[in-house]
Amino acid sequence: MTKIRGRRRRREDTRRVAGLLTGHAILKHHLARMGEVQDERCEFCDEVVAESAEHILMRCQGLMEPRFKKLRKAILDEDDVPQLAIRGLQEFAQGGGSEKRKERIRWDKGGRGERVITR
């Protein structure tokens, strides 16, 4: 059973990183494109921008501290993304949330995510 859990964990980590890098993550911008939500503004920062994978990964002001802790830079440029360590991306995607929101996504066994806000 341990091996299965380990594989499942690695698959979830891989899916989260891939979603963050491709834009197919459970974020408001992607959900708005699918018709699941109306408001796609970022909940992490005070800027009026879409909560997209690019914004979360590279520029969100509300995620500067966790981004710095996990990825070693508070704000990323496009040239920085290919140089990021996979482990740092995994840790950031798992719980890079700010003090305002401790958990962004709860993943079920079927690989579907549900947005959960805890303040």
N, C-alpha and C. Protein backbone atom coordinates (compact mmCIF):
# COMPACT_ATOMS: atom_id res chain seq x y z
N MET A 1 0.81 -1.20 0.00
CA MET A 1 0.00 0.00 0.00
C MET A 1 0.86 1.27 0.00
N THR A 2 2.01 1.21 0.62
CA THR A 2 2.87 2.38 0.66
C THR A 2 3.31 2.79 -0.74
N LYS A 3 3.65 1.82 -1.58
CA LYS A 3 4.07 2.14 -2.94
C LYS A 3 2.97 2.84 -3.71
N ILE A 4 1.74 2.36 -3.56
CA ILE A 4 0.62 2.99 -4.27
C ILE A 4 0.43 4.42 -3.79
N ARG A 5 0.49 4.62 -2.49
CA ARG A 5 0.35 5.98 -1.97
C ARG A 5 1.47 6.88 -2.47
N GLY A 6 2.68 6.35 -2.53
CA GLY A 6 3.81 7.13 -3.03
C GLY A 6 3.63 7.50 -4.49
N ARG A 7 3.16 6.56 -5.29
CA ARG A 7 2.90 6.85 -6.71
C ARG A 7 1.80 7.86 -6.86
N ARG A 8 0.75 7.70 -6.08
CA ARG A 8 -0.38 8.64 -6.16
C ARG A 8 0.09 10.04 -5.79
N ARG A 9 0.91 10.15 -4.76
CA ARG A 9 1.43 11.46 -4.34
C ARG A 9 2.27 12.06 -5.46
N ARG A 10 3.14 11.26 -6.08
CA ARG A 10 3.96 11.78 -7.16
C ARG A 10 3.10 12.22 -8.34
N ARG A 11 2.06 11.45 -8.63
CA ARG A 11 1.16 11.81 -9.74
C ARG A 11 0.45 13.12 -9.44
N GLU A 12 -0.01 13.31 -8.20
CA GLU A 12 -0.68 14.55 -7.82
C GLU A 12 0.29 15.73 -7.92
N ASP A 13 1.51 15.53 -7.45
CA ASP A 13 2.52 16.59 -7.53
C ASP A 13 2.79 16.96 -8.99
N THR A 14 2.92 15.94 -9.83
CA THR A 14 3.19 16.16 -11.25
C THR A 14 2.03 16.92 -11.89
N ARG A 15 0.80 16.54 -11.55
CA ARG A 15 -0.38 17.19 -12.12
C ARG A 15 -0.44 18.66 -11.70
N ARG A 16 -0.13 18.93 -10.45
CA ARG A 16 -0.16 20.31 -9.97
C ARG A 16 0.88 21.17 -10.69
N VAL A 17 2.09 20.65 -10.82
CA VAL A 17 3.15 21.40 -11.49
C VAL A 17 2.80 21.60 -12.96
N ALA A 18 2.31 20.55 -13.61
CA ALA A 18 1.93 20.66 -15.02
C ALA A 18 0.82 21.69 -15.20
N GLY A 19 -0.16 21.69 -14.29
CA GLY A 19 -1.25 22.66 -14.37
C GLY A 19 -0.75 24.08 -14.21
N LEU A 20 0.19 24.26 -13.31
CA LEU A 20 0.75 25.59 -13.09
C LEU A 20 1.56 26.05 -14.31
N LEU A 21 2.29 25.15 -14.92
CA LEU A 21 3.14 25.51 -16.06
C LEU A 21 2.35 25.66 -17.36
N THR A 22 1.24 24.93 -17.50
CA THR A 22 0.47 24.99 -18.75
C THR A 22 -0.74 25.91 -18.68
N GLY A 23 -1.12 26.34 -17.48
CA GLY A 23 -2.30 27.19 -17.33
C GLY A 23 -3.57 26.41 -17.10
N HIS A 24 -3.48 25.09 -17.05
CA HIS A 24 -4.65 24.24 -16.84
C HIS A 24 -4.75 23.84 -15.38
N ALA A 25 -4.64 24.81 -14.50
CA ALA A 25 -4.74 24.60 -13.07
C ALA A 25 -6.12 25.05 -12.60
N ILE A 26 -6.49 24.64 -11.42
CA ILE A 26 -7.79 25.03 -10.89
C ILE A 26 -7.66 26.42 -10.28
N LEU A 27 -7.59 27.38 -11.16
CA LEU A 27 -7.52 28.79 -10.79
C LEU A 27 -8.68 29.50 -11.47
N LYS A 28 -9.02 30.67 -10.96
CA LYS A 28 -10.22 31.37 -11.44
C LYS A 28 -10.21 31.66 -12.94
N HIS A 29 -9.07 32.00 -13.51
CA HIS A 29 -9.03 32.31 -14.94
C HIS A 29 -9.43 31.08 -15.77
N HIS A 30 -8.88 29.94 -15.43
CA HIS A 30 -9.19 28.71 -16.14
C HIS A 30 -10.65 28.30 -15.91
N LEU A 31 -11.11 28.44 -14.66
CA LEU A 31 -12.51 28.10 -14.35
C LEU A 31 -13.48 29.03 -15.07
N ALA A 32 -13.12 30.30 -15.23
CA ALA A 32 -13.99 31.25 -15.95
C ALA A 32 -14.07 30.87 -17.43
N ARG A 33 -12.97 30.43 -18.00
CA ARG A 33 -12.96 30.00 -19.40
C ARG A 33 -13.87 28.78 -19.60
N MET A 34 -13.99 27.95 -18.56
CA MET A 34 -14.85 26.76 -18.64
C MET A 34 -16.29 27.08 -18.25
N GLY A 35 -16.56 28.32 -17.82
CA GLY A 35 -17.90 28.71 -17.43
C GLY A 35 -18.29 28.33 -16.02
N GLU A 36 -17.30 27.99 -15.19
CA GLU A 36 -17.57 27.56 -13.82
C GLU A 36 -17.70 28.73 -12.83
N VAL A 37 -17.01 29.83 -13.10
CA VAL A 37 -17.09 31.01 -12.24
C VAL A 37 -17.24 32.25 -13.11
N GLN A 38 -17.77 33.32 -12.53
CA GLN A 38 -17.94 34.57 -13.25
C GLN A 38 -16.77 35.53 -13.00
N ASP A 39 -16.34 35.64 -11.75
CA ASP A 39 -15.29 36.58 -11.37
C ASP A 39 -13.94 35.87 -11.36
N GLU A 40 -13.03 36.32 -12.20
CA GLU A 40 -11.73 35.66 -12.28
C GLU A 40 -10.62 36.48 -11.62
N ARG A 41 -10.99 37.51 -10.86
CA ARG A 41 -9.98 38.33 -10.19
C ARG A 41 -9.22 37.52 -9.14
N CYS A 42 -7.95 37.82 -9.01
CA CYS A 42 -7.07 37.12 -8.07
C CYS A 42 -7.50 37.42 -6.62
N GLU A 43 -7.60 36.37 -5.84
CA GLU A 43 -7.98 36.52 -4.43
C GLU A 43 -6.77 36.71 -3.53
N PHE A 44 -5.57 36.55 -4.06
CA PHE A 44 -4.37 36.65 -3.24
C PHE A 44 -3.82 38.06 -3.13
N CYS A 45 -4.11 38.90 -4.13
CA CYS A 45 -3.54 40.25 -4.13
C CYS A 45 -4.63 41.29 -4.34
N ASP A 46 -4.26 42.54 -4.22
CA ASP A 46 -5.20 43.65 -4.36
C ASP A 46 -5.30 44.14 -5.81
N GLU A 47 -4.53 43.55 -6.70
CA GLU A 47 -4.57 43.96 -8.10
C GLU A 47 -5.84 43.45 -8.77
N VAL A 48 -6.29 44.18 -9.76
CA VAL A 48 -7.48 43.74 -10.51
C VAL A 48 -6.97 43.02 -11.77
N VAL A 49 -6.51 41.79 -11.56
CA VAL A 49 -6.01 40.96 -12.65
C VAL A 49 -6.60 39.56 -12.50
N ALA A 50 -6.58 38.83 -13.57
CA ALA A 50 -7.11 37.46 -13.55
C ALA A 50 -6.18 36.56 -12.74
N GLU A 51 -6.79 35.66 -11.99
CA GLU A 51 -6.05 34.66 -11.23
C GLU A 51 -5.64 33.54 -12.19
N SER A 52 -4.62 33.80 -12.97
CA SER A 52 -4.14 32.84 -13.96
C SER A 52 -2.90 32.15 -13.41
N ALA A 53 -2.52 31.06 -14.04
CA ALA A 53 -1.32 30.34 -13.62
C ALA A 53 -0.09 31.24 -13.77
N GLU A 54 -0.03 31.98 -14.87
CA GLU A 54 1.10 32.89 -15.08
C GLU A 54 1.18 33.95 -13.98
N HIS A 55 0.05 34.53 -13.63
CA HIS A 55 0.02 35.55 -12.57
C HIS A 55 0.44 34.94 -11.24
N ILE A 56 -0.10 33.79 -10.89
CA ILE A 56 0.21 33.13 -9.62
C ILE A 56 1.68 32.75 -9.56
N LEU A 57 2.17 32.13 -10.61
CA LEU A 57 3.55 31.65 -10.62
C LEU A 57 4.57 32.78 -10.66
N MET A 58 4.28 33.86 -11.39
CA MET A 58 5.32 34.86 -11.65
C MET A 58 5.18 36.19 -10.93
N ARG A 59 3.96 36.72 -10.78
CA ARG A 59 3.84 38.12 -10.39
C ARG A 59 2.93 38.46 -9.21
N CYS A 60 2.11 37.56 -8.75
CA CYS A 60 1.13 37.90 -7.72
C CYS A 60 1.81 38.48 -6.48
N GLN A 61 1.42 39.70 -6.13
CA GLN A 61 2.01 40.38 -4.97
C GLN A 61 1.69 39.67 -3.66
N GLY A 62 0.53 39.04 -3.60
CA GLY A 62 0.12 38.33 -2.39
C GLY A 62 0.88 37.04 -2.15
N LEU A 63 1.60 36.57 -3.15
CA LEU A 63 2.35 35.31 -3.03
C LEU A 63 3.87 35.53 -3.10
N MET A 64 4.30 36.75 -2.89
CA MET A 64 5.72 37.05 -2.99
C MET A 64 6.54 36.28 -1.95
N GLU A 65 6.07 36.25 -0.72
CA GLU A 65 6.83 35.56 0.34
C GLU A 65 6.92 34.05 0.09
N PRO A 66 5.79 33.35 -0.14
CA PRO A 66 5.93 31.91 -0.41
C PRO A 66 6.70 31.62 -1.70
N ARG A 67 6.56 32.49 -2.70
CA ARG A 67 7.31 32.29 -3.94
C ARG A 67 8.81 32.40 -3.66
N PHE A 68 9.19 33.38 -2.84
CA PHE A 68 10.60 33.54 -2.50
C PHE A 68 11.10 32.34 -1.70
N LYS A 69 10.31 31.86 -0.75
CA LYS A 69 10.72 30.73 0.07
C LYS A 69 10.88 29.45 -0.75
N LYS A 70 9.98 29.20 -1.67
CA LYS A 70 9.99 27.95 -2.43
C LYS A 70 10.78 28.02 -3.73
N LEU A 71 10.78 29.20 -4.38
CA LEU A 71 11.39 29.33 -5.70
C LEU A 71 12.59 30.27 -5.73
N ARG A 72 12.93 30.86 -4.59
CA ARG A 72 14.12 31.71 -4.44
C ARG A 72 14.04 33.08 -5.10
N LYS A 73 12.88 33.44 -5.62
CA LYS A 73 12.68 34.78 -6.18
C LYS A 73 11.26 35.21 -5.86
N ALA A 74 11.08 36.47 -5.49
CA ALA A 74 9.75 36.98 -5.16
C ALA A 74 8.92 37.26 -6.41
N ILE A 75 9.55 37.75 -7.45
CA ILE A 75 8.90 38.01 -8.74
C ILE A 75 9.74 37.32 -9.81
N LEU A 76 9.08 36.57 -10.68
CA LEU A 76 9.79 35.82 -11.72
C LEU A 76 9.63 36.48 -13.08
N ASP A 77 10.66 36.36 -13.90
CA ASP A 77 10.60 36.74 -15.30
C ASP A 77 10.36 35.47 -16.11
N GLU A 78 9.96 35.63 -17.37
CA GLU A 78 9.75 34.46 -18.23
C GLU A 78 11.01 33.62 -18.35
N ASP A 79 12.17 34.26 -18.35
CA ASP A 79 13.43 33.53 -18.47
C ASP A 79 13.74 32.69 -17.23
N ASP A 80 13.14 33.02 -16.09
CA ASP A 80 13.38 32.29 -14.84
C ASP A 80 12.66 30.94 -14.82
N VAL A 81 11.52 30.85 -15.47
CA VAL A 81 10.66 29.67 -15.35
C VAL A 81 11.37 28.38 -15.77
N PRO A 82 12.06 28.33 -16.90
CA PRO A 82 12.73 27.07 -17.27
C PRO A 82 13.83 26.65 -16.29
N GLN A 83 14.32 27.59 -15.50
CA GLN A 83 15.41 27.31 -14.57
C GLN A 83 14.93 26.85 -13.19
N LEU A 84 13.62 26.86 -12.95
CA LEU A 84 13.09 26.51 -11.63
C LEU A 84 13.28 25.04 -11.32
N ALA A 85 13.55 24.76 -10.05
CA ALA A 85 13.68 23.38 -9.59
C ALA A 85 12.29 22.76 -9.47
N ILE A 86 12.17 21.52 -9.91
CA ILE A 86 10.88 20.83 -9.84
C ILE A 86 10.39 20.74 -8.40
N ARG A 87 11.28 20.45 -7.46
CA ARG A 87 10.88 20.33 -6.05
C ARG A 87 10.29 21.65 -5.55
N GLY A 88 10.91 22.76 -5.91
CA GLY A 88 10.38 24.06 -5.50
C GLY A 88 9.01 24.32 -6.09
N LEU A 89 8.83 23.96 -7.37
CA LEU A 89 7.51 24.11 -8.00
C LEU A 89 6.47 23.24 -7.31
N GLN A 90 6.85 22.02 -6.96
CA GLN A 90 5.92 21.13 -6.27
C GLN A 90 5.50 21.73 -4.93
N GLU A 91 6.45 22.20 -4.17
CA GLU A 91 6.15 22.78 -2.86
C GLU A 91 5.30 24.04 -3.00
N PHE A 92 5.61 24.86 -3.97
CA PHE A 92 4.83 26.08 -4.20
C PHE A 92 3.39 25.73 -4.60
N ALA A 93 3.24 24.75 -5.49
CA ALA A 93 1.91 24.35 -5.96
C ALA A 93 1.10 23.68 -4.86
N GLN A 94 1.75 22.99 -3.95
CA GLN A 94 1.04 22.31 -2.88
C GLN A 94 0.47 23.26 -1.85
N GLY A 95 1.17 24.29 -1.56
CA GLY A 95 0.68 25.17 -0.51
C GLY A 95 1.42 26.47 -0.45
N GLY A 96 1.60 27.07 -1.60
CA GLY A 96 2.33 28.32 -1.65
C GLY A 96 1.48 29.49 -1.21
N GLY A 97 0.32 29.23 -0.67
CA GLY A 97 -0.63 30.28 -0.31
C GLY A 97 -0.09 31.25 0.72
N SER A 98 -0.67 32.39 0.76
CA SER A 98 -0.23 33.43 1.69
C SER A 98 -0.90 33.25 3.03
N GLU A 99 -0.62 34.16 3.94
CA GLU A 99 -1.24 34.15 5.26
C GLU A 99 -2.75 34.25 5.16
N LYS A 100 -3.25 34.96 4.13
CA LYS A 100 -4.69 35.15 3.98
C LYS A 100 -5.41 33.84 3.72
N ARG A 101 -4.77 32.99 2.95
CA ARG A 101 -5.42 31.76 2.54
C ARG A 101 -4.43 30.61 2.66
N LYS A 102 -4.67 29.68 3.56
CA LYS A 102 -3.71 28.63 3.83
C LYS A 102 -3.80 27.47 2.86
N GLU A 103 -4.96 27.17 2.35
CA GLU A 103 -5.10 26.07 1.40
C GLU A 103 -5.96 26.53 0.25
N ARG A 104 -5.47 26.33 -0.96
CA ARG A 104 -6.22 26.78 -2.12
C ARG A 104 -7.03 25.67 -2.74
N ILE A 105 -6.46 24.47 -2.81
CA ILE A 105 -7.12 23.39 -3.53
C ILE A 105 -7.04 22.11 -2.71
N ARG A 106 -8.17 21.42 -2.59
CA ARG A 106 -8.19 20.09 -1.97
C ARG A 106 -8.42 19.10 -3.09
N TRP A 107 -7.51 18.14 -3.22
CA TRP A 107 -7.57 17.18 -4.32
C TRP A 107 -8.25 15.90 -3.85
N ASP A 108 -9.15 15.35 -4.64
CA ASP A 108 -9.77 14.07 -4.30
C ASP A 108 -9.02 12.94 -4.99
N LYS A 109 -9.41 11.70 -4.69
CA LYS A 109 -8.69 10.55 -5.22
C LYS A 109 -8.81 10.44 -6.73
N GLY A 110 -9.86 10.98 -7.30
CA GLY A 110 -10.04 10.93 -8.74
C GLY A 110 -9.25 11.98 -9.49
N GLY A 111 -8.47 12.79 -8.76
CA GLY A 111 -7.65 13.80 -9.42
C GLY A 111 -8.36 15.12 -9.66
N ARG A 112 -9.56 15.27 -9.11
CA ARG A 112 -10.28 16.53 -9.26
C ARG A 112 -10.01 17.41 -8.04
N GLY A 113 -9.92 18.68 -8.30
CA GLY A 113 -9.65 19.62 -7.24
C GLY A 113 -10.87 20.42 -6.87
N GLU A 114 -10.91 20.83 -5.62
CA GLU A 114 -12.00 21.67 -5.13
C GLU A 114 -11.35 22.85 -4.40
N ARG A 115 -11.79 24.03 -4.72
CA ARG A 115 -11.24 25.22 -4.07
C ARG A 115 -11.75 25.30 -2.65
N VAL A 116 -10.82 25.42 -1.72
CA VAL A 116 -11.16 25.52 -0.31
C VAL A 116 -10.42 26.74 0.23
N ILE A 117 -11.15 27.63 0.84
CA ILE A 117 -10.56 28.85 1.38
C ILE A 117 -10.58 28.76 2.88
N THR A 118 -9.40 28.87 3.49
CA THR A 118 -9.29 28.94 4.94
C THR A 118 -8.51 30.19 5.28
N ARG A 119 -9.07 30.99 6.10
CA ARG A 119 -8.41 32.27 6.45
C ARG A 119 -7.90 32.22 7.85
